Amino acid sequence: MLLRLPGVYPPQEDTWLLGDALAAEKLRPGSQVLDICTGTGALSLRAAAAGAGHVTAIDISRRAVATTWINARVQRHAIRVMRGDLTAPVRGQRFDVVVSNPPYVPAPDDVLPTHEIARAWDAGVDGRLLLDRICVQAPGVLAESGILLVAQSVLSGVEKTQSMLEEQGLTVEIVARAEIPFGRVLTARAALFEARGLIVAGQCTEEIVVFRGVK
């Protein structure tokens, strides 16, 4: 069971899909794992439970940082929790595995929320304001032969993620997919998505994919 302060993204299908991909990696006591946009710390905890001895969790939200800190201690895992903007707090360090479930929902505009829970999913008009930055920054903190795992919706441009990661020198594949029903936010934006050509009329599900990139 995970504790969650108000305003922190609750783990959902995309979290568990990414968590299964993370657990499939060969994590050992010496493995260095970085969780970007940690939220409740669910993926950091999964990494620790799977055998990683050194886990770092980062989020820009103070409430997310506090939530992860609490969950790590309740579950008795030694996780380093840091507040900051994506990889900025660990610049210059290297990790064997970097995992991220960032905000990726297309929004009405390109103004990122700075408070409340919408900051956990709104990611600009194309849903890529965080994804694009992760594609550029995350490979820079990977160790040699390090692995990057990123979850996103197909509504946010699968081909672009793959091409951007390949441009950073990674070998990329999609290792997991899941079709999930629209939640409250996507249901409310269905007409907007139809107008943009992101979905067909009457569509009420989205596909989530997990990318695996190897340096």
C-alpha atoms as a PDB file:
ATOM      1  CA  MET A   1       0.000   0.000   0.000  1.00  0.00           C
ATOM      2  CA  LEU A   2       1.289   3.442  -0.932  1.00  0.00           C
ATOM      3  CA  LEU A   3       0.575   6.605   0.995  1.00  0.00           C
ATOM      4  CA  ARG A   4      -0.183   9.679  -1.127  1.00  0.00           C
ATOM      5  CA  LEU A   5      -0.389  13.325  -0.207  1.00  0.00           C
ATOM      6  CA  PRO A   6      -3.089  15.393  -1.982  1.00  0.00           C
ATOM      7  CA  GLY A   7      -1.907  16.630  -5.362  1.00  0.00           C
ATOM      8  CA  VAL A   8       0.433  13.682  -6.021  1.00  0.00           C
ATOM      9  CA  TYR A   9      -0.208  11.424  -9.034  1.00  0.00           C
ATOM     10  CA  PRO A  10      -1.777   8.118  -7.943  1.00  0.00           C
ATOM     11  CA  PRO A  11      -0.145   5.029  -9.468  1.00  0.00           C
ATOM     12  CA  GLN A  12      -2.268   3.694 -12.332  1.00  0.00           C
ATOM     13  CA  GLU A  13      -2.029   1.275 -15.257  1.00  0.00           C
ATOM     14  CA  ASP A  14       0.915   3.118 -16.821  1.00  0.00           C
ATOM     15  CA  THR A  15       2.816   2.917 -13.515  1.00  0.00           C
ATOM     16  CA  TRP A  16       2.302  -0.836 -13.215  1.00  0.00           C
ATOM     17  CA  LEU A  17       3.168  -1.452 -16.884  1.00  0.00           C
ATOM     18  CA  LEU A  18       6.423   0.438 -16.476  1.00  0.00           C
ATOM     19  CA  GLY A  19       7.060  -1.215 -13.114  1.00  0.00           C
ATOM     20  CA  ASP A  20       6.835  -4.670 -14.675  1.00  0.00           C
ATOM     21  CA  ALA A  21       9.348  -3.639 -17.345  1.00  0.00           C
ATOM     22  CA  LEU A  22      11.652  -2.321 -14.627  1.00  0.00           C
ATOM     23  CA  ALA A  23      11.389  -5.505 -12.571  1.00  0.00           C
ATOM     24  CA  ALA A  24      12.331  -7.529 -15.679  1.00  0.00           C
ATOM     25  CA  GLU A  25      15.775  -5.893 -15.735  1.00  0.00           C
ATOM     26  CA  LYS A  26      18.644  -7.585 -13.899  1.00  0.00           C
ATOM     27  CA  LEU A  27      18.859  -5.360 -10.845  1.00  0.00           C
ATOM     28  CA  ARG A  28      21.556  -6.208  -8.308  1.00  0.00           C
ATOM     29  CA  PRO A  29      22.794  -4.764  -4.999  1.00  0.00           C
ATOM     30  CA  GLY A  30      25.316  -2.697  -6.957  1.00  0.00           C
ATOM     31  CA  SER A  31      22.789  -1.352  -9.491  1.00  0.00           C
ATOM     32  CA  GLN A  32      22.320   2.408  -9.625  1.00  0.00           C
ATOM     33  CA  VAL A  33      18.708   3.275 -10.505  1.00  0.00           C
ATOM     34  CA  LEU A  34      17.277   6.744 -11.150  1.00  0.00           C
ATOM     35  CA  ASP A  35      13.521   7.417 -11.075  1.00  0.00           C
ATOM     36  CA  ILE A  36      12.603  10.727 -12.747  1.00  0.00           C
ATOM     37  CA  CYS A  37       9.164  12.229 -11.979  1.00  0.00           C
ATOM     38  CA  THR A  38       8.796   9.783  -9.107  1.00  0.00           C
ATOM     39  CA  GLY A  39       5.356  10.828  -7.824  1.00  0.00           C
ATOM     40  CA  THR A  40       4.541   8.469  -4.952  1.00  0.00           C
ATOM     41  CA  GLY A  41       7.843   6.656  -5.381  1.00  0.00           C
ATOM     42  CA  ALA A  42       6.109   3.525  -6.692  1.00  0.00           C
ATOM     43  CA  LEU A  43       8.802   2.810  -9.299  1.00  0.00           C
ATOM     44  CA  SER A  44      11.652   3.539  -6.902  1.00  0.00           C
ATOM     45  CA  LEU A  45      10.143   1.107  -4.436  1.00  0.00           C
ATOM     46  CA  ARG A  46       9.717  -1.479  -7.201  1.00  0.00           C
ATOM     47  CA  ALA A  47      13.389  -1.102  -8.115  1.00  0.00           C
ATOM     48  CA  ALA A  48      14.470  -1.523  -4.504  1.00  0.00           C
ATOM     49  CA  ALA A  49      12.216  -4.555  -4.050  1.00  0.00           C
ATOM     50  CA  ALA A  50      13.641  -6.069  -7.265  1.00  0.00           C
ATOM     51  CA  GLY A  51      17.171  -5.941  -5.849  1.00  0.00           C
ATOM     52  CA  ALA A  52      18.643  -2.552  -6.732  1.00  0.00           C
ATOM     53  CA  GLY A  53      20.889  -1.414  -3.907  1.00  0.00           C
ATOM     54  CA  HIS A  54      21.109   2.255  -4.870  1.00  0.00           C
ATOM     55  CA  VAL A  55      17.927   4.059  -5.883  1.00  0.00           C
ATOM     56  CA  THR A  56      17.517   7.791  -6.420  1.00  0.00           C
ATOM     57  CA  ALA A  57      14.071   9.380  -6.833  1.00  0.00           C
ATOM     58  CA  ILE A  58      13.554  12.896  -8.220  1.00  0.00           C
ATOM     59  CA  ASP A  59      10.475  15.071  -8.539  1.00  0.00           C
ATOM     60  CA  ILE A  60       9.913  18.804  -8.875  1.00  0.00           C
ATOM     61  CA  SER A  61       6.863  18.635  -6.601  1.00  0.00           C
ATOM     62  CA  ARG A  62       7.523  19.099  -2.899  1.00  0.00           C
ATOM     63  CA  ARG A  63       4.517  16.943  -2.086  1.00  0.00           C
ATOM     64  CA  ALA A  64       5.795  14.146  -4.321  1.00  0.00           C
ATOM     65  CA  VAL A  65       9.208  14.301  -2.665  1.00  0.00           C
ATOM     66  CA  ALA A  66       7.594  14.121   0.770  1.00  0.00           C
ATOM     67  CA  THR A  67       5.325  11.270  -0.326  1.00  0.00           C
ATOM     68  CA  THR A  68       8.217   9.233  -1.699  1.00  0.00           C
ATOM     69  CA  TRP A  69      10.285   9.875   1.438  1.00  0.00           C
ATOM     70  CA  ILE A  70       7.429   8.637   3.631  1.00  0.00           C
ATOM     71  CA  ASN A  71       6.716   5.555   1.493  1.00  0.00           C
ATOM     72  CA  ALA A  72      10.385   4.581   1.411  1.00  0.00           C
ATOM     73  CA  ARG A  73      10.597   4.671   5.188  1.00  0.00           C
ATOM     74  CA  VAL A  74       7.297   2.897   5.740  1.00  0.00           C
ATOM     75  CA  GLN A  75       8.460   0.084   3.452  1.00  0.00           C
ATOM     76  CA  ARG A  76      11.982   0.153   4.909  1.00  0.00           C
ATOM     77  CA  HIS A  77      13.862   0.881   1.694  1.00  0.00           C
ATOM     78  CA  ALA A  78      16.897   3.166   1.574  1.00  0.00           C
ATOM     79  CA  ILE A  79      16.000   5.508  -1.284  1.00  0.00           C
ATOM     80  CA  ARG A  80      17.707   8.831  -1.902  1.00  0.00           C
ATOM     81  CA  VAL A  81      14.931  11.357  -2.548  1.00  0.00           C
ATOM     82  CA  MET A  82      15.721  14.681  -4.206  1.00  0.00           C
ATOM     83  CA  ARG A  83      13.705  17.664  -5.361  1.00  0.00           C
ATOM     84  CA  GLY A  84      14.615  19.118  -8.721  1.00  0.00           C
ATOM     85  CA  ASP A  85      13.952  19.522 -12.430  1.00  0.00           C
ATOM     86  CA  LEU A  86      14.393  16.169 -14.198  1.00  0.00           C
ATOM     87  CA  THR A  87      18.108  15.212 -14.182  1.00  0.00           C
ATOM     88  CA  ALA A  88      19.431  18.533 -12.827  1.00  0.00           C
ATOM     89  CA  PRO A  89      20.073  17.249  -9.251  1.00  0.00           C
ATOM     90  CA  VAL A  90      22.214  14.342 -10.513  1.00  0.00           C
ATOM     91  CA  ARG A  91      24.075  15.984 -13.370  1.00  0.00           C
ATOM     92  CA  GLY A  92      27.508  14.381 -13.659  1.00  0.00           C
ATOM     93  CA  GLN A  93      26.395  11.108 -12.078  1.00  0.00           C
ATOM     94  CA  ARG A  94      25.765   7.868 -13.968  1.00  0.00           C
ATOM     95  CA  PHE A  95      23.072   5.230 -13.548  1.00  0.00           C
ATOM     96  CA  ASP A  96      22.628   1.671 -14.757  1.00  0.00           C
ATOM     97  CA  VAL A  97      18.880   2.134 -15.179  1.00  0.00           C
ATOM     98  CA  VAL A  98      16.860   5.329 -15.590  1.00  0.00           C
ATOM     99  CA  VAL A  99      13.076   5.012 -15.395  1.00  0.00           C
ATOM    100  CA  SER A 100      10.456   7.697 -15.944  1.00  0.00           C
ATOM    101  CA  ASN A 101       6.685   7.979 -16.096  1.00  0.00           C
ATOM    102  CA  PRO A 102       6.435  11.699 -16.864  1.00  0.00           C
ATOM    103  CA  PRO A 103       3.427  13.905 -17.578  1.00  0.00           C
ATOM    104  CA  TYR A 104       2.458  13.225 -21.205  1.00  0.00           C
ATOM    105  CA  VAL A 105      -1.211  14.165 -21.678  1.00  0.00           C
ATOM    106  CA  PRO A 106      -1.834  16.719 -24.463  1.00  0.00           C
ATOM    107  CA  ALA A 107      -3.248  19.892 -22.932  1.00  0.00           C
ATOM    108  CA  PRO A 108      -5.213  22.892 -24.211  1.00  0.00           C
ATOM    109  CA  ASP A 109      -2.063  25.059 -24.187  1.00  0.00           C
ATOM    110  CA  ASP A 110       1.677  25.023 -23.531  1.00  0.00           C
ATOM    111  CA  VAL A 111       1.504  26.524 -20.039  1.00  0.00           C
ATOM    112  CA  LEU A 112       2.694  23.879 -17.577  1.00  0.00           C
ATOM    113  CA  PRO A 113       0.826  23.883 -14.253  1.00  0.00           C
ATOM    114  CA  THR A 114       2.988  24.783 -11.280  1.00  0.00           C
ATOM    115  CA  HIS A 115       0.691  23.465  -8.572  1.00  0.00           C
ATOM    116  CA  GLU A 116      -2.246  21.098  -7.999  1.00  0.00           C
ATOM    117  CA  ILE A 117      -2.460  17.606  -9.430  1.00  0.00           C
ATOM    118  CA  ALA A 118      -2.786  18.685 -13.099  1.00  0.00           C
ATOM    119  CA  ARG A 119       0.999  19.147 -13.121  1.00  0.00           C
ATOM    120  CA  ALA A 120       1.207  15.338 -12.923  1.00  0.00           C
ATOM    121  CA  TRP A 121      -0.297  14.878 -16.390  1.00  0.00           C
ATOM    122  CA  ASP A 122      -0.491  18.132 -18.399  1.00  0.00           C
ATOM    123  CA  ALA A 123       2.429  18.332 -20.829  1.00  0.00           C
ATOM    124  CA  GLY A 124       1.673  21.023 -23.376  1.00  0.00           C
ATOM    125  CA  VAL A 125      -0.337  20.987 -26.589  1.00  0.00           C
ATOM    126  CA  ASP A 126       1.448  17.932 -28.003  1.00  0.00           C
ATOM    127  CA  GLY A 127       2.048  16.227 -24.641  1.00  0.00           C
ATOM    128  CA  ARG A 128       5.804  16.413 -25.143  1.00  0.00           C
ATOM    129  CA  LEU A 129       7.106  19.300 -23.036  1.00  0.00           C
ATOM    130  CA  LEU A 130       8.614  16.832 -20.555  1.00  0.00           C
ATOM    131  CA  LEU A 131       9.117  13.874 -22.890  1.00  0.00           C
ATOM    132  CA  ASP A 132      11.346  15.849 -25.262  1.00  0.00           C
ATOM    133  CA  ARG A 133      13.543  17.032 -22.406  1.00  0.00           C
ATOM    134  CA  ILE A 134      13.811  13.524 -20.971  1.00  0.00           C
ATOM    135  CA  CYS A 135      14.792  12.142 -24.386  1.00  0.00           C
ATOM    136  CA  VAL A 136      17.678  14.631 -24.468  1.00  0.00           C
ATOM    137  CA  GLN A 137      18.730  14.627 -20.816  1.00  0.00           C
ATOM    138  CA  ALA A 138      18.295  11.041 -19.628  1.00  0.00           C
ATOM    139  CA  PRO A 139      20.877   9.438 -21.966  1.00  0.00           C
ATOM    140  CA  GLY A 140      23.440  11.831 -20.495  1.00  0.00           C
ATOM    141  CA  VAL A 141      23.171  10.260 -17.044  1.00  0.00           C
ATOM    142  CA  LEU A 142      23.251   6.657 -18.271  1.00  0.00           C
ATOM    143  CA  ALA A 143      26.294   4.530 -17.591  1.00  0.00           C
ATOM    144  CA  GLU A 144      27.827   2.627 -20.487  1.00  0.00           C
ATOM    145  CA  SER A 145      25.306  -0.083 -21.506  1.00  0.00           C
ATOM    146  CA  GLY A 146      22.787   1.648 -19.229  1.00  0.00           C
ATOM    147  CA  ILE A 147      19.055   1.229 -19.813  1.00  0.00           C
ATOM    148  CA  LEU A 148      16.358   3.884 -20.109  1.00  0.00           C
ATOM    149  CA  LEU A 149      12.705   2.932 -19.571  1.00  0.00           C
ATOM    150  CA  VAL A 150      10.033   5.529 -20.384  1.00  0.00           C
ATOM    151  CA  ALA A 151       6.243   5.250 -20.471  1.00  0.00           C
ATOM    152  CA  GLN A 152       3.994   7.415 -22.616  1.00  0.00           C
ATOM    153  CA  SER A 153       0.682   7.501 -24.472  1.00  0.00           C
ATOM    154  CA  VAL A 154       0.560   7.016 -28.230  1.00  0.00           C
ATOM    155  CA  LEU A 155      -1.335  10.324 -28.255  1.00  0.00           C
ATOM    156  CA  SER A 156       1.991  12.025 -27.539  1.00  0.00           C
ATOM    157  CA  GLY A 157       3.965  10.836 -30.530  1.00  0.00           C
ATOM    158  CA  VAL A 158       5.628   7.430 -30.335  1.00  0.00           C
ATOM    159  CA  GLU A 159       7.709   7.912 -33.464  1.00  0.00           C
ATOM    160  CA  LYS A 160       9.207  11.143 -32.178  1.00  0.00           C
ATOM    161  CA  THR A 161      10.302   9.555 -28.915  1.00  0.00           C
ATOM    162  CA  GLN A 162      11.989   6.725 -30.769  1.00  0.00           C
ATOM    163  CA  SER A 163      13.793   9.034 -33.191  1.00  0.00           C
ATOM    164  CA  MET A 164      14.926  11.416 -30.446  1.00  0.00           C
ATOM    165  CA  LEU A 165      16.356   8.588 -28.329  1.00  0.00           C
ATOM    166  CA  GLU A 166      18.106   7.115 -31.355  1.00  0.00           C
ATOM    167  CA  GLU A 167      19.609  10.524 -32.086  1.00  0.00           C
ATOM    168  CA  GLN A 168      21.131  10.361 -28.585  1.00  0.00           C
ATOM    169  CA  GLY A 169      22.833   7.088 -29.501  1.00  0.00           C
ATOM    170  CA  LEU A 170      20.443   4.621 -27.865  1.00  0.00           C
ATOM    171  CA  THR A 171      19.229   1.346 -29.322  1.00  0.00           C
ATOM    172  CA  VAL A 172      15.464   1.585 -28.863  1.00  0.00           C
ATOM    173  CA  GLU A 173      12.511  -0.794 -28.781  1.00  0.00           C
ATOM    174  CA  ILE A 174       8.997  -0.874 -27.351  1.00  0.00           C
ATOM    175  CA  VAL A 175       8.889  -3.617 -24.722  1.00  0.00           C
ATOM    176  CA  ALA A 176       5.332  -3.276 -23.398  1.00  0.00           C
ATOM    177  CA  ARG A 177       1.941  -2.054 -24.552  1.00  0.00           C
ATOM    178  CA  ALA A 178      -1.462  -1.755 -22.915  1.00  0.00           C
ATOM    179  CA  GLU A 179      -4.810  -0.431 -24.092  1.00  0.00           C
ATOM    180  CA  ILE A 180      -6.533   1.339 -21.211  1.00  0.00           C
ATOM    181  CA  PRO A 181      -9.870   3.168 -20.873  1.00  0.00           C
ATOM    182  CA  PHE A 182      -9.884   6.943 -20.768  1.00  0.00           C
ATOM    183  CA  GLY A 183      -9.895   8.305 -17.254  1.00  0.00           C
ATOM    184  CA  ARG A 184     -11.599  11.475 -16.117  1.00  0.00           C
ATOM    185  CA  VAL A 185      -9.079  13.852 -17.718  1.00  0.00           C
ATOM    186  CA  LEU A 186      -8.964  12.233 -21.161  1.00  0.00           C
ATOM    187  CA  THR A 187     -12.734  11.783 -21.226  1.00  0.00           C
ATOM    188  CA  ALA A 188     -13.135  15.512 -20.602  1.00  0.00           C
ATOM    189  CA  ARG A 189     -10.703  16.252 -23.451  1.00  0.00           C
ATOM    190  CA  ALA A 190     -12.067  13.767 -25.983  1.00  0.00           C
ATOM    191  CA  ALA A 191     -13.646  16.480 -28.128  1.00  0.00           C
ATOM    192  CA  LEU A 192     -10.372  18.429 -28.116  1.00  0.00           C
ATOM    193  CA  PHE A 193      -8.423  15.330 -29.151  1.00  0.00           C
ATOM    194  CA  GLU A 194     -10.916  14.569 -31.918  1.00  0.00           C
ATOM    195  CA  ALA A 195     -10.567  18.128 -33.237  1.00  0.00           C
ATOM    196  CA  ARG A 196      -6.791  17.725 -33.327  1.00  0.00           C
ATOM    197  CA  GLY A 197      -7.010  14.369 -35.093  1.00  0.00           C
ATOM    198  CA  LEU A 198      -5.448  12.485 -32.190  1.00  0.00           C
ATOM    199  CA  ILE A 199      -8.391  10.108 -31.808  1.00  0.00           C
ATOM    200  CA  VAL A 200     -11.332   8.984 -33.911  1.00  0.00           C
ATOM    201  CA  ALA A 201     -14.908   9.902 -33.058  1.00  0.00           C
ATOM    202  CA  GLY A 202     -16.186   7.882 -30.134  1.00  0.00           C
ATOM    203  CA  GLN A 203     -12.769   6.588 -29.100  1.00  0.00           C
ATOM    204  CA  CYS A 204     -12.560   6.005 -25.355  1.00  0.00           C
ATOM    205  CA  THR A 205      -9.268   4.163 -24.902  1.00  0.00           C
ATOM    206  CA  GLU A 206      -5.605   5.019 -25.320  1.00  0.00           C
ATOM    207  CA  GLU A 207      -2.544   2.859 -25.806  1.00  0.00           C
ATOM    208  CA  ILE A 208       0.331   3.169 -23.373  1.00  0.00           C
ATOM    209  CA  VAL A 209       3.788   2.024 -24.458  1.00  0.00           C
ATOM    210  CA  VAL A 210       7.065   1.491 -22.650  1.00  0.00           C
ATOM    211  CA  PHE A 211      10.295   2.341 -24.468  1.00  0.00           C
ATOM    212  CA  ARG A 212      13.537   0.579 -23.615  1.00  0.00           C
ATOM    213  CA  GLY A 213      16.680   2.322 -24.789  1.00  0.00           C
ATOM    214  CA  VAL A 214      20.172   0.910 -24.327  1.00  0.00           C
ATOM    215  CA  LYS A 215      23.236   3.124 -24.434  1.00  0.00           C
END
